Amino acid sequence: MRRHPTPHPIQPGQESVWDYPRPPLLQKTAKSIQVYFNGICIVDTQNAYRVLETSHPPSYYLPPADIKMAHFQPVAGRSICEWKGQAQYYTIVVGKKIAERVAWAYPTPTADFAEIKDYIALYPAPMDKCVVDGELVQPQPGEFYGGWITSDVVGPFKGAAGSWGW
């Protein structure tokens, strides 16, 4: 039998990833989001979506209109998410700095995630910095996950050592 960890206590203004649903929930957010790579702001938006899933910090899906898409190169290979559908990947190139397969999108998402068609999510760890409402994001532990940790979200978070079976 797999045991889930004890959720951390929440303070006013915080939410626990253990209160997020499974299957995941898509939620519009008006939070200000910026992403920097190789010293350049490649994303600046207030029109993102969050995907909220049990045990994971939110992943942010960013509208292409607010992304400097010239830095995003589609790459071969796909993956399947049981909730969102088939993902395509992008490599980010700014000047001579390259981060391979660090962003993804759903060109034909499932009906429950239709609003994020072609929106792009990315792993925060390879970026110079990701910022949500002025706060520096901490990447979700583990290389498989793309969650963004801010002070208003508490765990423990899947991806940390010993969490594979959650």
C-alpha atoms as a PDB file:
ATOM      1  CA  MET A   1       0.000   0.000   0.000  1.00  0.00           C
ATOM      2  CA  ARG A   2       1.395   3.411  -0.977  1.00  0.00           C
ATOM      3  CA  ARG A   3       1.332   6.101   1.642  1.00  0.00           C
ATOM      4  CA  HIS A   4       0.915   9.718   0.819  1.00  0.00           C
ATOM      5  CA  PRO A   5       2.888  12.221   2.870  1.00  0.00           C
ATOM      6  CA  THR A   6       1.313  14.469   5.462  1.00  0.00           C
ATOM      7  CA  PRO A   7       0.476  17.803   3.826  1.00  0.00           C
ATOM      8  CA  HIS A   8       2.351  20.812   5.167  1.00  0.00           C
ATOM      9  CA  PRO A   9       0.211  23.272   7.135  1.00  0.00           C
ATOM     10  CA  ILE A  10      -1.141  26.189   5.136  1.00  0.00           C
ATOM     11  CA  GLN A  11      -1.161  29.821   6.167  1.00  0.00           C
ATOM     12  CA  PRO A  12      -3.615  32.515   5.043  1.00  0.00           C
ATOM     13  CA  GLY A  13      -3.194  33.166   1.320  1.00  0.00           C
ATOM     14  CA  GLN A  14      -1.646  29.749   0.655  1.00  0.00           C
ATOM     15  CA  GLU A  15      -2.990  26.617  -0.992  1.00  0.00           C
ATOM     16  CA  SER A  16      -1.905  23.014  -0.582  1.00  0.00           C
ATOM     17  CA  VAL A  17      -1.102  20.838  -3.572  1.00  0.00           C
ATOM     18  CA  TRP A  18      -2.861  18.092  -1.625  1.00  0.00           C
ATOM     19  CA  ASP A  19      -6.141  19.969  -2.135  1.00  0.00           C
ATOM     20  CA  TYR A  20      -5.641  20.016  -5.912  1.00  0.00           C
ATOM     21  CA  PRO A  21      -7.778  17.471  -7.811  1.00  0.00           C
ATOM     22  CA  ARG A  22      -6.996  14.397  -9.829  1.00  0.00           C
ATOM     23  CA  PRO A  23      -7.763  14.476 -12.706  1.00  0.00           C
ATOM     24  CA  PRO A  24      -6.161  17.911 -12.898  1.00  0.00           C
ATOM     25  CA  LEU A  25      -8.001  21.211 -13.122  1.00  0.00           C
ATOM     26  CA  LEU A  26      -7.339  23.958 -15.663  1.00  0.00           C
ATOM     27  CA  GLN A  27      -7.603  27.440 -14.164  1.00  0.00           C
ATOM     28  CA  LYS A  28      -7.216  30.872 -15.785  1.00  0.00           C
ATOM     29  CA  THR A  29      -4.890  33.203 -13.886  1.00  0.00           C
ATOM     30  CA  ALA A  30      -4.309  36.942 -14.187  1.00  0.00           C
ATOM     31  CA  LYS A  31      -0.989  36.728 -12.344  1.00  0.00           C
ATOM     32  CA  SER A  32       1.890  38.538 -13.997  1.00  0.00           C
ATOM     33  CA  ILE A  33       4.423  36.051 -15.379  1.00  0.00           C
ATOM     34  CA  GLN A  34       7.857  36.656 -16.875  1.00  0.00           C
ATOM     35  CA  VAL A  35      10.445  34.165 -18.074  1.00  0.00           C
ATOM     36  CA  TYR A  36      14.091  35.079 -18.744  1.00  0.00           C
ATOM     37  CA  PHE A  37      16.597  33.049 -20.713  1.00  0.00           C
ATOM     38  CA  ASN A  38      20.141  34.172 -21.550  1.00  0.00           C
ATOM     39  CA  GLY A  39      19.357  37.618 -20.185  1.00  0.00           C
ATOM     40  CA  ILE A  40      16.302  38.162 -22.418  1.00  0.00           C
ATOM     41  CA  CYS A  41      12.665  38.291 -21.318  1.00  0.00           C
ATOM     42  CA  ILE A  42      11.113  35.636 -23.575  1.00  0.00           C
ATOM     43  CA  VAL A  43       7.667  35.627 -21.914  1.00  0.00           C
ATOM     44  CA  ASP A  44       5.663  38.471 -20.388  1.00  0.00           C
ATOM     45  CA  THR A  45       1.978  37.785 -19.781  1.00  0.00           C
ATOM     46  CA  GLN A  46      -1.057  38.218 -17.583  1.00  0.00           C
ATOM     47  CA  ASN A  47      -3.099  35.746 -19.661  1.00  0.00           C
ATOM     48  CA  ALA A  48      -1.832  32.362 -18.525  1.00  0.00           C
ATOM     49  CA  TYR A  49      -3.521  29.203 -17.315  1.00  0.00           C
ATOM     50  CA  ARG A  50      -2.494  27.007 -14.402  1.00  0.00           C
ATOM     51  CA  VAL A  51      -2.870  23.249 -14.332  1.00  0.00           C
ATOM     52  CA  LEU A  52      -3.489  22.051 -10.789  1.00  0.00           C
ATOM     53  CA  GLU A  53      -2.949  18.384  -9.979  1.00  0.00           C
ATOM     54  CA  THR A  54      -2.699  16.567  -6.671  1.00  0.00           C
ATOM     55  CA  SER A  55       0.843  16.627  -5.229  1.00  0.00           C
ATOM     56  CA  HIS A  56       2.234  18.954  -7.948  1.00  0.00           C
ATOM     57  CA  PRO A  57       2.895  22.684  -7.853  1.00  0.00           C
ATOM     58  CA  PRO A  58       1.105  24.453 -10.723  1.00  0.00           C
ATOM     59  CA  SER A  59       2.385  24.245 -14.262  1.00  0.00           C
ATOM     60  CA  TYR A  60       1.790  27.462 -16.171  1.00  0.00           C
ATOM     61  CA  TYR A  61       0.611  27.482 -19.781  1.00  0.00           C
ATOM     62  CA  LEU A  62       1.563  30.683 -21.572  1.00  0.00           C
ATOM     63  CA  PRO A  63      -0.151  32.245 -24.601  1.00  0.00           C
ATOM     64  CA  PRO A  64       1.963  32.299 -27.777  1.00  0.00           C
ATOM     65  CA  ALA A  65       0.959  35.938 -28.342  1.00  0.00           C
ATOM     66  CA  ASP A  66       2.936  36.879 -25.208  1.00  0.00           C
ATOM     67  CA  ILE A  67       5.980  34.726 -26.016  1.00  0.00           C
ATOM     68  CA  LYS A  68       8.933  35.667 -28.209  1.00  0.00           C
ATOM     69  CA  MET A  69       8.279  32.647 -30.415  1.00  0.00           C
ATOM     70  CA  ALA A  70      11.353  33.314 -32.584  1.00  0.00           C
ATOM     71  CA  HIS A  71      13.358  31.713 -29.735  1.00  0.00           C
ATOM     72  CA  PHE A  72      11.208  28.541 -29.639  1.00  0.00           C
ATOM     73  CA  GLN A  73      12.114  25.829 -32.149  1.00  0.00           C
ATOM     74  CA  PRO A  74       9.809  22.809 -32.538  1.00  0.00           C
ATOM     75  CA  VAL A  75      11.670  19.522 -32.155  1.00  0.00           C
ATOM     76  CA  ALA A  76      10.912  15.908 -33.049  1.00  0.00           C
ATOM     77  CA  GLY A  77       9.290  13.596 -30.557  1.00  0.00           C
ATOM     78  CA  ARG A  78       5.979  13.550 -28.762  1.00  0.00           C
ATOM     79  CA  SER A  79       4.561  12.344 -25.474  1.00  0.00           C
ATOM     80  CA  ILE A  80       1.068  11.580 -24.258  1.00  0.00           C
ATOM     81  CA  CYS A  81      -0.614  12.963 -21.160  1.00  0.00           C
ATOM     82  CA  GLU A  82      -3.654  10.950 -20.158  1.00  0.00           C
ATOM     83  CA  TRP A  83      -5.461  14.196 -19.285  1.00  0.00           C
ATOM     84  CA  LYS A  84      -4.296  16.737 -21.874  1.00  0.00           C
ATOM     85  CA  GLY A  85      -3.452  14.677 -24.962  1.00  0.00           C
ATOM     86  CA  GLN A  86      -0.379  14.570 -27.208  1.00  0.00           C
ATOM     87  CA  ALA A  87       2.375  17.082 -26.491  1.00  0.00           C
ATOM     88  CA  GLN A  88       4.922  18.535 -28.875  1.00  0.00           C
ATOM     89  CA  TYR A  89       8.238  19.917 -27.617  1.00  0.00           C
ATOM     90  CA  TYR A  90      10.379  22.981 -28.171  1.00  0.00           C
ATOM     91  CA  THR A  91      14.037  23.860 -27.764  1.00  0.00           C
ATOM     92  CA  ILE A  92      14.731  27.432 -26.673  1.00  0.00           C
ATOM     93  CA  VAL A  93      17.589  29.313 -28.340  1.00  0.00           C
ATOM     94  CA  VAL A  94      18.673  32.815 -27.347  1.00  0.00           C
ATOM     95  CA  GLY A  95      21.985  33.879 -28.838  1.00  0.00           C
ATOM     96  CA  LYS A  96      24.405  30.999 -28.319  1.00  0.00           C
ATOM     97  CA  LYS A  97      22.566  29.565 -25.319  1.00  0.00           C
ATOM     98  CA  ILE A  98      20.392  26.516 -26.024  1.00  0.00           C
ATOM     99  CA  ALA A  99      18.026  24.582 -23.760  1.00  0.00           C
ATOM    100  CA  GLU A 100      16.830  21.436 -25.505  1.00  0.00           C
ATOM    101  CA  ARG A 101      13.266  20.090 -25.153  1.00  0.00           C
ATOM    102  CA  VAL A 102      12.409  22.371 -22.236  1.00  0.00           C
ATOM    103  CA  ALA A 103       9.002  23.583 -23.407  1.00  0.00           C
ATOM    104  CA  TRP A 104       5.878  21.811 -24.616  1.00  0.00           C
ATOM    105  CA  ALA A 105       2.402  22.474 -25.983  1.00  0.00           C
ATOM    106  CA  TYR A 106      -0.764  20.598 -26.868  1.00  0.00           C
ATOM    107  CA  PRO A 107      -1.771  21.407 -30.475  1.00  0.00           C
ATOM    108  CA  THR A 108      -4.873  19.184 -30.199  1.00  0.00           C
ATOM    109  CA  PRO A 109      -5.704  18.962 -26.482  1.00  0.00           C
ATOM    110  CA  THR A 110      -8.548  16.963 -25.004  1.00  0.00           C
ATOM    111  CA  ALA A 111     -11.897  18.737 -24.565  1.00  0.00           C
ATOM    112  CA  ASP A 112     -11.252  19.522 -20.874  1.00  0.00           C
ATOM    113  CA  PHE A 113      -8.049  21.363 -21.826  1.00  0.00           C
ATOM    114  CA  ALA A 114      -9.172  22.990 -25.084  1.00  0.00           C
ATOM    115  CA  GLU A 115      -8.389  26.480 -23.724  1.00  0.00           C
ATOM    116  CA  ILE A 116      -4.639  25.739 -23.720  1.00  0.00           C
ATOM    117  CA  LYS A 117      -4.462  24.751 -27.382  1.00  0.00           C
ATOM    118  CA  ASP A 118      -0.983  25.855 -28.540  1.00  0.00           C
ATOM    119  CA  TYR A 119      -0.194  27.503 -25.174  1.00  0.00           C
ATOM    120  CA  ILE A 120       3.338  26.692 -24.091  1.00  0.00           C
ATOM    121  CA  ALA A 121       4.551  25.383 -20.736  1.00  0.00           C
ATOM    122  CA  LEU A 122       8.196  25.162 -19.771  1.00  0.00           C
ATOM    123  CA  TYR A 123      10.486  23.764 -17.149  1.00  0.00           C
ATOM    124  CA  PRO A 124      11.594  26.603 -14.870  1.00  0.00           C
ATOM    125  CA  ALA A 125      14.971  25.052 -13.898  1.00  0.00           C
ATOM    126  CA  PRO A 126      16.809  25.661 -17.218  1.00  0.00           C
ATOM    127  CA  MET A 127      15.653  29.277 -17.384  1.00  0.00           C
ATOM    128  CA  ASP A 128      17.627  32.199 -15.911  1.00  0.00           C
ATOM    129  CA  LYS A 129      14.526  32.926 -13.886  1.00  0.00           C
ATOM    130  CA  CYS A 130      10.761  32.608 -13.911  1.00  0.00           C
ATOM    131  CA  VAL A 131       8.746  35.195 -11.999  1.00  0.00           C
ATOM    132  CA  VAL A 132       5.115  35.085 -10.831  1.00  0.00           C
ATOM    133  CA  ASP A 133       3.691  38.366  -9.504  1.00  0.00           C
ATOM    134  CA  GLY A 134       7.215  39.584  -8.765  1.00  0.00           C
ATOM    135  CA  GLU A 135       8.255  36.401  -6.917  1.00  0.00           C
ATOM    136  CA  LEU A 136      11.122  34.216  -8.121  1.00  0.00           C
ATOM    137  CA  VAL A 137       9.895  30.685  -8.887  1.00  0.00           C
ATOM    138  CA  GLN A 138      11.543  27.584  -7.456  1.00  0.00           C
ATOM    139  CA  PRO A 139      11.451  24.583  -9.829  1.00  0.00           C
ATOM    140  CA  GLN A 140       9.555  21.460  -8.821  1.00  0.00           C
ATOM    141  CA  PRO A 141      12.030  18.788  -7.723  1.00  0.00           C
ATOM    142  CA  GLY A 142      12.916  16.071 -10.201  1.00  0.00           C
ATOM    143  CA  GLU A 143      13.677  16.459 -13.878  1.00  0.00           C
ATOM    144  CA  PHE A 144      10.388  14.942 -15.064  1.00  0.00           C
ATOM    145  CA  TYR A 145       8.068  17.589 -13.633  1.00  0.00           C
ATOM    146  CA  GLY A 146       7.445  21.170 -14.754  1.00  0.00           C
ATOM    147  CA  GLY A 147       5.775  22.698 -11.690  1.00  0.00           C
ATOM    148  CA  TRP A 148       6.463  26.221 -10.474  1.00  0.00           C
ATOM    149  CA  ILE A 149       6.803  26.671  -6.686  1.00  0.00           C
ATOM    150  CA  THR A 150       5.931  30.026  -5.134  1.00  0.00           C
ATOM    151  CA  SER A 151       5.359  30.971  -1.500  1.00  0.00           C
ATOM    152  CA  ASP A 152       1.576  30.690  -1.866  1.00  0.00           C
ATOM    153  CA  VAL A 153       1.770  26.948  -2.680  1.00  0.00           C
ATOM    154  CA  VAL A 154       2.772  24.332  -0.091  1.00  0.00           C
ATOM    155  CA  GLY A 155       3.676  20.649  -0.406  1.00  0.00           C
ATOM    156  CA  PRO A 156       5.321  18.326   0.029  1.00  0.00           C
ATOM    157  CA  PHE A 157       5.753  18.131  -3.735  1.00  0.00           C
ATOM    158  CA  LYS A 158       5.996  15.071  -5.940  1.00  0.00           C
ATOM    159  CA  GLY A 159       9.439  14.831  -7.515  1.00  0.00           C
ATOM    160  CA  ALA A 160      11.411  15.028  -4.280  1.00  0.00           C
ATOM    161  CA  ALA A 161      13.475  12.009  -3.248  1.00  0.00           C
ATOM    162  CA  GLY A 162      11.217   9.145  -2.162  1.00  0.00           C
ATOM    163  CA  SER A 163       8.082  10.538  -3.845  1.00  0.00           C
ATOM    164  CA  TRP A 164       7.961   8.350  -6.958  1.00  0.00           C
ATOM    165  CA  GLY A 165       5.116   6.149  -5.641  1.00  0.00           C
ATOM    166  CA  TRP A 166       2.775   8.957  -4.528  1.00  0.00           C
END
